[in-house]
């Protein structure tokens, strides 16, 4: 029974750490860029786009396709950085313990 109580206590502590991490991550922002910084996308910790900045030099009606590509590339860069940040935060909370395949936390 002592083992079960200890496991329950550890699970409760892990749950509290996860909640703290989730709050920290939600408050974070990451930026991705493309075109040598001419397009910058800012994502929230949940992956929602918060801002986009486009250098006015890129706004040319004849180059819309290039601008679209740069926006997509900046978003992909920001999402990659966010995924790395989430993995780092998760590793801190779990103490490096790997989660079962398919279990994606906190979102």
PDB file of N, CA and C in Angstrom:
ATOM      1  N   UNK A   1       0.806  -1.205   0.000  1.00  0.00           N
ATOM      2  CA  UNK A   1       0.000   0.000   0.000  1.00  0.00           C
ATOM      3  C   UNK A   1       0.854   1.277   0.000  1.00  0.00           C
ATOM      4  N   UNK A   2       2.022   1.207   0.630  1.00  0.00           N
ATOM      5  CA  UNK A   2       2.886   2.383   0.631  1.00  0.00           C
ATOM      6  C   UNK A   2       3.308   2.753  -0.783  1.00  0.00           C
ATOM      7  N   UNK A   3       3.559   1.728  -1.615  1.00  0.00           N
ATOM      8  CA  UNK A   3       3.929   1.984  -3.006  1.00  0.00           C
ATOM      9  C   UNK A   3       2.823   2.699  -3.755  1.00  0.00           C
ATOM     10  N   UNK A   4       1.585   2.274  -3.539  1.00  0.00           N
ATOM     11  CA  UNK A   4       0.444   2.886  -4.210  1.00  0.00           C
ATOM     12  C   UNK A   4       0.295   4.340  -3.770  1.00  0.00           C
ATOM     13  N   UNK A   5       0.446   4.593  -2.482  1.00  0.00           N
ATOM     14  CA  UNK A   5       0.354   5.964  -1.981  1.00  0.00           C
ATOM     15  C   UNK A   5       1.470   6.828  -2.558  1.00  0.00           C
ATOM     16  N   UNK A   6       2.648   6.265  -2.655  1.00  0.00           N
ATOM     17  CA  UNK A   6       3.775   6.992  -3.237  1.00  0.00           C
ATOM     18  C   UNK A   6       3.543   7.296  -4.708  1.00  0.00           C
ATOM     19  N   UNK A   7       2.996   6.332  -5.421  1.00  0.00           N
ATOM     20  CA  UNK A   7       2.707   6.536  -6.845  1.00  0.00           C
ATOM     21  C   UNK A   7       1.634   7.601  -7.025  1.00  0.00           C
ATOM     22  N   UNK A   8       0.643   7.590  -6.162  1.00  0.00           N
ATOM     23  CA  UNK A   8      -0.424   8.588  -6.250  1.00  0.00           C
ATOM     24  C   UNK A   8       0.133   9.985  -5.969  1.00  0.00           C
ATOM     25  N   UNK A   9       1.032  10.070  -5.010  1.00  0.00           N
ATOM     26  CA  UNK A   9       1.657  11.352  -4.688  1.00  0.00           C
ATOM     27  C   UNK A   9       2.487  11.845  -5.869  1.00  0.00           C
ATOM     28  N   UNK A  10       3.252  10.954  -6.490  1.00  0.00           N
ATOM     29  CA  UNK A  10       4.055  11.322  -7.656  1.00  0.00           C
ATOM     30  C   UNK A  10       3.163  11.765  -8.819  1.00  0.00           C
ATOM     31  N   UNK A  11       2.067  11.059  -9.020  1.00  0.00           N
ATOM     32  CA  UNK A  11       1.137  11.422 -10.095  1.00  0.00           C
ATOM     33  C   UNK A  11       0.544  12.802  -9.844  1.00  0.00           C
ATOM     34  N   UNK A  12       0.229  13.084  -8.604  1.00  0.00           N
ATOM     35  CA  UNK A  12      -0.324  14.393  -8.247  1.00  0.00           C
ATOM     36  C   UNK A  12       0.705  15.492  -8.476  1.00  0.00           C
ATOM     37  N   UNK A  13       1.949  15.221  -8.101  1.00  0.00           N
ATOM     38  CA  UNK A  13       3.019  16.202  -8.323  1.00  0.00           C
ATOM     39  C   UNK A  13       3.251  16.424  -9.812  1.00  0.00           C
ATOM     40  N   UNK A  14       3.223  15.353 -10.588  1.00  0.00           N
ATOM     41  CA  UNK A  14       3.404  15.457 -12.033  1.00  0.00           C
ATOM     42  C   UNK A  14       2.270  16.279 -12.639  1.00  0.00           C
ATOM     43  N   UNK A  15       1.057  16.069 -12.167  1.00  0.00           N
ATOM     44  CA  UNK A  15      -0.094  16.821 -12.673  1.00  0.00           C
ATOM     45  C   UNK A  15       0.070  18.313 -12.376  1.00  0.00           C
ATOM     46  N   UNK A  16       0.536  18.641 -11.193  1.00  0.00           N
ATOM     47  CA  UNK A  16       0.761  20.041 -10.833  1.00  0.00           C
ATOM     48  C   UNK A  16       1.857  20.655 -11.712  1.00  0.00           C
ATOM     49  N   UNK A  17       2.932  19.897 -11.939  1.00  0.00           N
ATOM     50  CA  UNK A  17       4.016  20.390 -12.800  1.00  0.00           C
ATOM     51  C   UNK A  17       3.522  20.601 -14.226  1.00  0.00           C
ATOM     52  N   UNK A  18       2.678  19.693 -14.711  1.00  0.00           N
ATOM     53  CA  UNK A  18       2.128  19.819 -16.064  1.00  0.00           C
ATOM     54  C   UNK A  18       1.278  21.083 -16.172  1.00  0.00           C
ATOM     55  N   UNK A  19       0.472  21.358 -15.154  1.00  0.00           N
ATOM     56  CA  UNK A  19      -0.373  22.553 -15.169  1.00  0.00           C
ATOM     57  C   UNK A  19       0.493  23.812 -15.184  1.00  0.00           C
ATOM     58  N   UNK A  20       1.564  23.815 -14.388  1.00  0.00           N
ATOM     59  CA  UNK A  20       2.483  24.958 -14.366  1.00  0.00           C
ATOM     60  C   UNK A  20       3.141  25.142 -15.735  1.00  0.00           C
ATOM     61  N   UNK A  21       3.593  24.037 -16.327  1.00  0.00           N
ATOM     62  CA  UNK A  21       4.239  24.104 -17.626  1.00  0.00           C
ATOM     63  C   UNK A  21       3.260  24.616 -18.675  1.00  0.00           C
ATOM     64  N   UNK A  22       2.038  24.132 -18.630  1.00  0.00           N
ATOM     65  CA  UNK A  22       1.045  24.551 -19.606  1.00  0.00           C
ATOM     66  C   UNK A  22       0.802  26.054 -19.515  1.00  0.00           C
ATOM     67  N   UNK A  23       0.721  26.587 -18.307  1.00  0.00           N
ATOM     68  CA  UNK A  23       0.528  28.032 -18.127  1.00  0.00           C
ATOM     69  C   UNK A  23       1.737  28.808 -18.662  1.00  0.00           C
ATOM     70  N   UNK A  24       2.954  28.300 -18.405  1.00  0.00           N
ATOM     71  CA  UNK A  24       4.165  28.957 -18.911  1.00  0.00           C
ATOM     72  C   UNK A  24       4.179  28.966 -20.428  1.00  0.00           C
ATOM     73  N   UNK A  25       3.872  27.823 -21.013  1.00  0.00           N
ATOM     74  CA  UNK A  25       3.912  27.695 -22.467  1.00  0.00           C
ATOM     75  C   UNK A  25       2.865  28.590 -23.126  1.00  0.00           C
ATOM     76  N   UNK A  26       1.677  28.651 -22.553  1.00  0.00           N
ATOM     77  CA  UNK A  26       0.622  29.493 -23.122  1.00  0.00           C
ATOM     78  C   UNK A  26       1.031  30.957 -23.163  1.00  0.00           C
ATOM     79  N   UNK A  27       1.841  31.378 -22.214  1.00  0.00           N
ATOM     80  CA  UNK A  27       2.273  32.775 -22.152  1.00  0.00           C
ATOM     81  C   UNK A  27       3.452  33.062 -23.085  1.00  0.00           C
ATOM     82  N   UNK A  28       4.086  32.032 -23.610  1.00  0.00           N
ATOM     83  CA  UNK A  28       5.259  32.209 -24.462  1.00  0.00           C
ATOM     84  C   UNK A  28       4.859  32.579 -25.882  1.00  0.00           C
ATOM     85  N   UNK A  29       5.814  33.163 -26.580  1.00  0.00           N
ATOM     86  CA  UNK A  29       5.666  33.447 -28.001  1.00  0.00           C
ATOM     87  C   UNK A  29       6.953  33.041 -28.698  1.00  0.00           C
ATOM     88  N   UNK A  30       6.818  32.537 -29.922  1.00  0.00           N
ATOM     89  CA  UNK A  30       7.988  32.219 -30.736  1.00  0.00           C
ATOM     90  C   UNK A  30       7.835  32.911 -32.081  1.00  0.00           C
ATOM     91  N   UNK A  31       8.969  33.264 -32.662  1.00  0.00           N
ATOM     92  CA  UNK A  31       8.967  33.922 -33.962  1.00  0.00           C
ATOM     93  C   UNK A  31       9.679  33.050 -34.979  1.00  0.00           C
ATOM     94  N   UNK A  32       9.108  33.023 -36.162  1.00  0.00           N
ATOM     95  CA  UNK A  32       9.750  32.367 -37.290  1.00  0.00           C
ATOM     96  C   UNK A  32       9.937  33.410 -38.373  1.00  0.00           C
ATOM     97  N   UNK A  33      10.984  33.246 -39.165  1.00  0.00           N
ATOM     98  CA  UNK A  33      11.236  34.225 -40.223  1.00  0.00           C
ATOM     99  C   UNK A  33      11.640  33.555 -41.515  1.00  0.00           C
ATOM    100  N   UNK A  34      11.484  34.325 -42.565  1.00  0.00           N
ATOM    101  CA  UNK A  34      11.942  33.884 -43.876  1.00  0.00           C
ATOM    102  C   UNK A  34      12.353  35.118 -44.666  1.00  0.00           C
ATOM    103  N   UNK A  35      12.997  34.872 -45.785  1.00  0.00           N
ATOM    104  CA  UNK A  35      13.447  35.996 -46.612  1.00  0.00           C
ATOM    105  C   UNK A  35      14.392  36.908 -45.871  1.00  0.00           C
ATOM    106  N   UNK A  36      15.326  36.321 -45.124  1.00  0.00           N
ATOM    107  CA  UNK A  36      16.311  37.089 -44.345  1.00  0.00           C
ATOM    108  C   UNK A  36      15.633  38.080 -43.408  1.00  0.00           C
ATOM    109  N   UNK A  37      14.523  37.637 -42.797  1.00  0.00           N
ATOM    110  CA  UNK A  37      13.826  38.474 -41.815  1.00  0.00           C
ATOM    111  C   UNK A  37      12.817  39.435 -42.419  1.00  0.00           C
ATOM    112  N   UNK A  38      12.571  39.327 -43.716  1.00  0.00           N
ATOM    113  CA  UNK A  38      11.615  40.239 -44.342  1.00  0.00           C
ATOM    114  C   UNK A  38      10.168  39.859 -44.033  1.00  0.00           C
ATOM    115  N   UNK A  39       9.952  38.595 -43.657  1.00  0.00           N
ATOM    116  CA  UNK A  39       8.644  38.131 -43.194  1.00  0.00           C
ATOM    117  C   UNK A  39       8.859  37.486 -41.835  1.00  0.00           C
ATOM    118  N   UNK A  40       8.112  37.953 -40.827  1.00  0.00           N
ATOM    119  CA  UNK A  40       8.224  37.420 -39.476  1.00  0.00           C
ATOM    120  C   UNK A  40       6.830  37.045 -38.992  1.00  0.00           C
ATOM    121  N   UNK A  41       6.696  35.807 -38.503  1.00  0.00           N
ATOM    122  CA  UNK A  41       5.436  35.311 -37.966  1.00  0.00           C
ATOM    123  C   UNK A  41       5.646  35.022 -36.486  1.00  0.00           C
ATOM    124  N   UNK A  42       4.714  35.484 -35.657  1.00  0.00           N
ATOM    125  CA  UNK A  42       4.771  35.233 -34.218  1.00  0.00           C
ATOM    126  C   UNK A  42       3.617  34.319 -33.828  1.00  0.00           C
ATOM    127  N   UNK A  43       3.957  33.196 -33.166  1.00  0.00           N
ATOM    128  CA  UNK A  43       2.956  32.241 -32.703  1.00  0.00           C
ATOM    129  C   UNK A  43       2.890  32.248 -31.185  1.00  0.00           C
ATOM    130  N   UNK A  44       1.691  31.976 -30.670  1.00  0.00           N
ATOM    131  CA  UNK A  44       1.540  31.785 -29.227  1.00  0.00           C
ATOM    132  C   UNK A  44       2.053  30.396 -28.868  1.00  0.00           C
ATOM    133  N   UNK A  45       2.144  30.122 -27.594  1.00  0.00           N
ATOM    134  CA  UNK A  45       2.573  28.801 -27.135  1.00  0.00           C
ATOM    135  C   UNK A  45       1.630  27.692 -27.553  1.00  0.00           C
ATOM    136  N   UNK A  46       0.411  28.047 -27.946  1.00  0.00           N
ATOM    137  CA  UNK A  46      -0.551  27.056 -28.426  1.00  0.00           C
ATOM    138  C   UNK A  46      -0.510  26.912 -29.942  1.00  0.00           C
ATOM    139  N   UNK A  47       0.360  27.677 -30.590  1.00  0.00           N
ATOM    140  CA  UNK A  47       0.486  27.574 -32.037  1.00  0.00           C
ATOM    141  C   UNK A  47      -0.416  28.508 -32.814  1.00  0.00           C
ATOM    142  N   UNK A  48      -1.109  29.407 -32.124  1.00  0.00           N
ATOM    143  CA  UNK A  48      -1.979  30.360 -32.798  1.00  0.00           C
ATOM    144  C   UNK A  48      -1.147  31.540 -33.292  1.00  0.00           C
ATOM    145  N   UNK A  49      -1.422  31.985 -34.520  1.00  0.00           N
ATOM    146  CA  UNK A  49      -0.682  33.113 -35.058  1.00  0.00           C
ATOM    147  C   UNK A  49      -1.150  34.387 -34.351  1.00  0.00           C
ATOM    148  N   UNK A  50      -0.203  35.082 -33.761  1.00  0.00           N
ATOM    149  CA  UNK A  50      -0.527  36.329 -33.055  1.00  0.00           C
ATOM    150  C   UNK A  50      -0.244  37.558 -33.915  1.00  0.00           C
ATOM    151  N   UNK A  51       0.877  37.507 -34.629  1.00  0.00           N
ATOM    152  CA  UNK A  51       1.287  38.654 -35.451  1.00  0.00           C
ATOM    153  C   UNK A  51       2.019  38.178 -36.691  1.00  0.00           C
ATOM    154  N   UNK A  52       1.995  39.073 -37.675  1.00  0.00           N
ATOM    155  CA  UNK A  52       2.782  38.851 -38.877  1.00  0.00           C
ATOM    156  C   UNK A  52       3.321  40.200 -39.300  1.00  0.00           C
ATOM    157  N   UNK A  53       4.588  40.235 -39.635  1.00  0.00           N
ATOM    158  CA  UNK A  53       5.222  41.474 -40.077  1.00  0.00           C
ATOM    159  C   UNK A  53       5.826  41.213 -41.454  1.00  0.00           C
ATOM    160  N   UNK A  54       5.502  42.100 -42.389  1.00  0.00           N
ATOM    161  CA  UNK A  54       6.006  41.966 -43.752  1.00  0.00           C
ATOM    162  C   UNK A  54       6.708  43.260 -44.120  1.00  0.00           C
ATOM    163  N   UNK A  55       7.950  43.131 -44.560  1.00  0.00           N
ATOM    164  CA  UNK A  55       8.697  44.295 -45.010  1.00  0.00           C
ATOM    165  C   UNK A  55       7.974  44.899 -46.214  1.00  0.00           C
ATOM    166  N   UNK A  56       7.689  46.195 -46.174  1.00  0.00           N
ATOM    167  CA  UNK A  56       6.958  46.841 -47.274  1.00  0.00           C
ATOM    168  C   UNK A  56       7.604  46.647 -48.652  1.00  0.00           C
ATOM    169  N   UNK A  57       8.902  46.395 -48.695  1.00  0.00           N
ATOM    170  CA  UNK A  57       9.581  46.173 -49.975  1.00  0.00           C
ATOM    171  C   UNK A  57       9.076  44.924 -50.693  1.00  0.00           C
ATOM    172  N   UNK A  58       8.475  44.003 -49.919  1.00  0.00           N
ATOM    173  CA  UNK A  58       7.984  42.764 -50.510  1.00  0.00           C
ATOM    174  C   UNK A  58       6.600  42.912 -51.154  1.00  0.00           C
ATOM    175  N   UNK A  59       5.915  43.990 -50.859  1.00  0.00           N
ATOM    176  CA  UNK A  59       4.539  44.148 -51.333  1.00  0.00           C
ATOM    177  C   UNK A  59       4.562  44.652 -52.780  1.00  0.00           C
ATOM    178  N   UNK A  60       4.492  43.692 -53.675  1.00  0.00           N
ATOM    179  CA  UNK A  60       4.500  43.971 -55.110  1.00  0.00           C
ATOM    180  C   UNK A  60       3.413  43.083 -55.729  1.00  0.00           C
ATOM    181  N   UNK A  61       2.392  43.676 -56.333  1.00  0.00           N
ATOM    182  CA  UNK A  61       1.283  42.889 -56.888  1.00  0.00           C
ATOM    183  C   UNK A  61       1.722  41.813 -57.876  1.00  0.00           C
ATOM    184  N   UNK A  62       2.862  41.985 -58.479  1.00  0.00           N
ATOM    185  CA  UNK A  62       3.326  40.989 -59.446  1.00  0.00           C
ATOM    186  C   UNK A  62       4.078  39.838 -58.775  1.00  0.00           C
ATOM    187  N   UNK A  63       4.344  39.953 -57.484  1.00  0.00           N
ATOM    188  CA  UNK A  63       5.113  38.939 -56.757  1.00  0.00           C
ATOM    189  C   UNK A  63       4.320  38.318 -55.606  1.00  0.00           C
ATOM    190  N   UNK A  64       3.017  38.234 -55.749  1.00  0.00           N
ATOM    191  CA  UNK A  64       2.164  37.712 -54.681  1.00  0.00           C
ATOM    192  C   UNK A  64       2.547  36.272 -54.332  1.00  0.00           C
ATOM    193  N   UNK A  65       2.823  35.458 -55.299  1.00  0.00           N
ATOM    194  CA  UNK A  65       3.155  34.052 -55.041  1.00  0.00           C
ATOM    195  C   UNK A  65       4.415  33.936 -54.183  1.00  0.00           C
ATOM    196  N   UNK A  66       5.419  34.749 -54.459  1.00  0.00           N
ATOM    197  CA  UNK A  66       6.634  34.727 -53.650  1.00  0.00           C
ATOM    198  C   UNK A  66       6.327  35.130 -52.210  1.00  0.00           C
ATOM    199  N   UNK A  67       5.506  36.154 -52.035  1.00  0.00           N
ATOM    200  CA  UNK A  67       5.137  36.604 -50.694  1.00  0.00           C
ATOM    201  C   UNK A  67       4.393  35.496 -49.950  1.00  0.00           C
ATOM    202  N   UNK A  68       3.484  34.814 -50.631  1.00  0.00           N
ATOM    203  CA  UNK A  68       2.766  33.699 -50.006  1.00  0.00           C
ATOM    204  C   UNK A  68       3.732  32.613 -49.558  1.00  0.00           C
ATOM    205  N   UNK A  69       4.707  32.305 -50.397  1.00  0.00           N
ATOM    206  CA  UNK A  69       5.713  31.292 -50.045  1.00  0.00           C
ATOM    207  C   UNK A  69       6.527  31.719 -48.825  1.00  0.00           C
ATOM    208  N   UNK A  70       6.893  32.994 -48.763  1.00  0.00           N
ATOM    209  CA  UNK A  70       7.668  33.492 -47.619  1.00  0.00           C
ATOM    210  C   UNK A  70       6.851  33.439 -46.334  1.00  0.00           C
ATOM    211  N   UNK A  71       5.569  33.749 -46.427  1.00  0.00           N
ATOM    212  CA  UNK A  71       4.698  33.677 -45.242  1.00  0.00           C
ATOM    213  C   UNK A  71       4.601  32.238 -44.761  1.00  0.00           C
ATOM    214  N   UNK A  72       4.377  31.317 -45.673  1.00  0.00           N
ATOM    215  CA  UNK A  72       4.297  29.904 -45.287  1.00  0.00           C
ATOM    216  C   UNK A  72       5.611  29.441 -44.659  1.00  0.00           C
ATOM    217  N   UNK A  73       6.717  29.831 -45.242  1.00  0.00           N
ATOM    218  CA  UNK A  73       8.025  29.433 -44.729  1.00  0.00           C
ATOM    219  C   UNK A  73       8.260  29.989 -43.328  1.00  0.00           C
ATOM    220  N   UNK A  74       7.880  31.236 -43.091  1.00  0.00           N
ATOM    221  CA  UNK A  74       8.036  31.837 -41.759  1.00  0.00           C
ATOM    222  C   UNK A  74       7.163  31.108 -40.748  1.00  0.00           C
ATOM    223  N   UNK A  75       5.966  30.724 -41.153  1.00  0.00           N
ATOM    224  CA  UNK A  75       5.070  29.997 -40.245  1.00  0.00           C
ATOM    225  C   UNK A  75       5.651  28.626 -39.903  1.00  0.00           C
ATOM    226  N   UNK A  76       6.173  27.938 -40.896  1.00  0.00           N
ATOM    227  CA  UNK A  76       6.792  26.633 -40.663  1.00  0.00           C
ATOM    228  C   UNK A  76       7.979  26.774 -39.707  1.00  0.00           C
ATOM    229  N   UNK A  77       8.786  27.805 -39.876  1.00  0.00           N
ATOM    230  CA  UNK A  77       9.934  28.054 -39.005  1.00  0.00           C
ATOM    231  C   UNK A  77       9.475  28.299 -37.568  1.00  0.00           C
ATOM    232  N   UNK A  78       8.432  29.106 -37.402  1.00  0.00           N
ATOM    233  CA  UNK A  78       7.911  29.390 -36.059  1.00  0.00           C
ATOM    234  C   UNK A  78       7.345  28.124 -35.427  1.00  0.00           C
ATOM    235  N   UNK A  79       6.633  27.323 -36.197  1.00  0.00           N
ATOM    236  CA  UNK A  79       6.038  26.096 -35.657  1.00  0.00           C
ATOM    237  C   UNK A  79       7.126  25.108 -35.231  1.00  0.00           C
ATOM    238  N   UNK A  80       8.197  25.007 -36.016  1.00  0.00           N
ATOM    239  CA  UNK A  80       9.308  24.123 -35.657  1.00  0.00           C
ATOM    240  C   UNK A  80       9.930  24.558 -34.335  1.00  0.00           C
ATOM    241  N   UNK A  81      10.129  25.868 -34.198  1.00  0.00           N
ATOM    242  CA  UNK A  81      10.700  26.390 -32.953  1.00  0.00           C
ATOM    243  C   UNK A  81       9.770  26.136 -31.773  1.00  0.00           C
ATOM    244  N   UNK A  82       8.470  26.289 -31.997  1.00  0.00           N
ATOM    245  CA  UNK A  82       7.498  26.031 -30.932  1.00  0.00           C
ATOM    246  C   UNK A  82       7.531  24.560 -30.532  1.00  0.00           C
ATOM    247  N   UNK A  83       7.577  23.656 -31.492  1.00  0.00           N
ATOM    248  CA  UNK A  83       7.632  22.228 -31.182  1.00  0.00           C
ATOM    249  C   UNK A  83       8.882  21.885 -30.379  1.00  0.00           C
ATOM    250  N   UNK A  84      10.008  22.499 -30.725  1.00  0.00           N
ATOM    251  CA  UNK A  84      11.242  22.274 -29.968  1.00  0.00           C
ATOM    252  C   UNK A  84      11.107  22.790 -28.535  1.00  0.00           C
ATOM    253  N   UNK A  85      10.497  23.963 -28.392  1.00  0.00           N
ATOM    254  CA  UNK A  85      10.291  24.554 -27.071  1.00  0.00           C
ATOM    255  C   UNK A  85       9.371  23.679 -26.219  1.00  0.00           C
ATOM    256  N   UNK A  86       8.298  23.174 -26.821  1.00  0.00           N
ATOM    257  CA  UNK A  86       7.374  22.305 -26.097  1.00  0.00           C
ATOM    258  C   UNK A  86       8.061  21.014 -25.669  1.00  0.00           C
ATOM    259  N   UNK A  87       8.884  20.445 -26.543  1.00  0.00           N
ATOM    260  CA  UNK A  87       9.605  19.216 -26.192  1.00  0.00           C
ATOM    261  C   UNK A  87      10.564  19.462 -25.036  1.00  0.00           C
ATOM    262  N   UNK A  88      11.222  20.611 -25.054  1.00  0.00           N
ATOM    263  CA  UNK A  88      12.150  20.980 -23.982  1.00  0.00           C
ATOM    264  C   UNK A  88      11.403  21.145 -22.652  1.00  0.00           C
ATOM    265  N   UNK A  89      10.272  21.835 -22.696  1.00  0.00           N
ATOM    266  CA  UNK A  89       9.478  22.042 -21.479  1.00  0.00           C
ATOM    267  C   UNK A  89       8.954  20.705 -20.952  1.00  0.00           C
ATOM    268  N   UNK A  90       8.494  19.851 -21.849  1.00  0.00           N
ATOM    269  CA  UNK A  90       7.967  18.549 -21.444  1.00  0.00           C
ATOM    270  C   UNK A  90       9.060  17.708 -20.807  1.00  0.00           C
ATOM    271  N   UNK A  91      10.265  17.783 -21.361  1.00  0.00           N
ATOM    272  CA  UNK A  91      11.384  17.030 -20.808  1.00  0.00           C
ATOM    273  C   UNK A  91      11.690  17.480 -19.381  1.00  0.00           C
ATOM    274  N   UNK A  92      11.583  18.798 -19.148  1.00  0.00           N
ATOM    275  CA  UNK A  92      11.816  19.309 -17.788  1.00  0.00           C
ATOM    276  C   UNK A  92      10.791  18.758 -16.811  1.00  0.00           C
ATOM    277  N   UNK A  93       9.544  18.728 -17.238  1.00  0.00           N
ATOM    278  CA  UNK A  93       8.461  18.283 -16.341  1.00  0.00           C
ATOM    279  C   UNK A  93       8.548  16.792 -16.077  1.00  0.00           C
ATOM    280  N   UNK A  94       8.835  16.022 -17.114  1.00  0.00           N
ATOM    281  CA  UNK A  94       8.855  14.565 -16.962  1.00  0.00           C
ATOM    282  C   UNK A  94      10.205  14.033 -16.508  1.00  0.00           C
ATOM    283  N   UNK A  95      11.180  14.923 -16.361  1.00  0.00           N
ATOM    284  CA  UNK A  95      12.511  14.494 -15.946  1.00  0.00           C
ATOM    285  C   UNK A  95      13.182  13.630 -16.995  1.00  0.00           C
ATOM    286  N   UNK A  96      12.834  13.862 -18.267  1.00  0.00           N
ATOM    287  CA  UNK A  96      13.437  13.109 -19.354  1.00  0.00           C
ATOM    288  C   UNK A  96      12.725  11.804 -19.648  1.00  0.00           C
ATOM    289  N   UNK A  97      11.731  11.442 -18.816  1.00  0.00           N
ATOM    290  CA  UNK A  97      10.981  10.209 -19.037  1.00  0.00           C
ATOM    291  C   UNK A  97      10.168  10.344 -20.326  1.00  0.00           C
ATOM    292  N   UNK A  98      10.256   9.367 -21.193  1.00  0.00           N
ATOM    293  CA  UNK A  98       9.543   9.393 -22.464  1.00  0.00           C
ATOM    294  C   UNK A  98       8.066   9.055 -22.248  1.00  0.00           C
ATOM    295  N   UNK A  99       7.195   9.792 -22.919  1.00  0.00           N
ATOM    296  CA  UNK A  99       5.778   9.501 -22.865  1.00  0.00           C
ATOM    297  C   UNK A  99       5.460   8.394 -23.853  1.00  0.00           C
ATOM    298  N   UNK A 100       4.374   7.641 -23.589  1.00  0.00           N
ATOM    299  CA  UNK A 100       4.002   6.582 -24.530  1.00  0.00           C
ATOM    300  C   UNK A 100       3.721   7.152 -25.917  1.00  0.00           C
ATOM    301  N   UNK A 101       4.003   6.393 -26.973  1.00  0.00           N
ATOM    302  CA  UNK A 101       3.747   6.872 -28.338  1.00  0.00           C
ATOM    303  C   UNK A 101       2.278   7.266 -28.500  1.00  0.00           C
ATOM    304  N   UNK A 102       2.063   8.362 -29.190  1.00  0.00           N
ATOM    305  CA  UNK A 102       0.691   8.829 -29.425  1.00  0.00           C
ATOM    306  C   UNK A 102       0.170   9.764 -28.353  1.00  0.00           C
ATOM    307  N   UNK A 103       0.813   9.801 -27.188  1.00  0.00           N
ATOM    308  CA  UNK A 103       0.378  10.690 -26.122  1.00  0.00           C
ATOM    309  C   UNK A 103       1.076  12.023 -26.303  1.00  0.00           C
ATOM    310  N   UNK A 104       0.295  13.029 -26.638  1.00  0.00           N
ATOM    311  CA  UNK A 104       0.874  14.340 -26.913  1.00  0.00           C
ATOM    312  C   UNK A 104       0.327  15.320 -25.882  1.00  0.00           C
ATOM    313  N   UNK A 105       1.205  15.804 -25.048  1.00  0.00           N
ATOM    314  CA  UNK A 105       0.813  16.753 -24.028  1.00  0.00           C
ATOM    315  C   UNK A 105       1.586  18.037 -24.223  1.00  0.00           C
ATOM    316  N   UNK A 106       1.111  19.143 -23.747  1.00  0.00           N
ATOM    317  CA  UNK A 106      -0.132  19.375 -23.032  1.00  0.00           C
ATOM    318  C   UNK A 106      -1.310  19.658 -23.942  1.00  0.00           C
ATOM    319  N   UNK A 107      -1.134  19.723 -25.247  1.00  0.00           N
ATOM    320  CA  UNK A 107      -2.250  20.111 -26.112  1.00  0.00           C
ATOM    321  C   UNK A 107      -2.662  19.000 -27.033  1.00  0.00           C
TER     322      UNK A 107
END
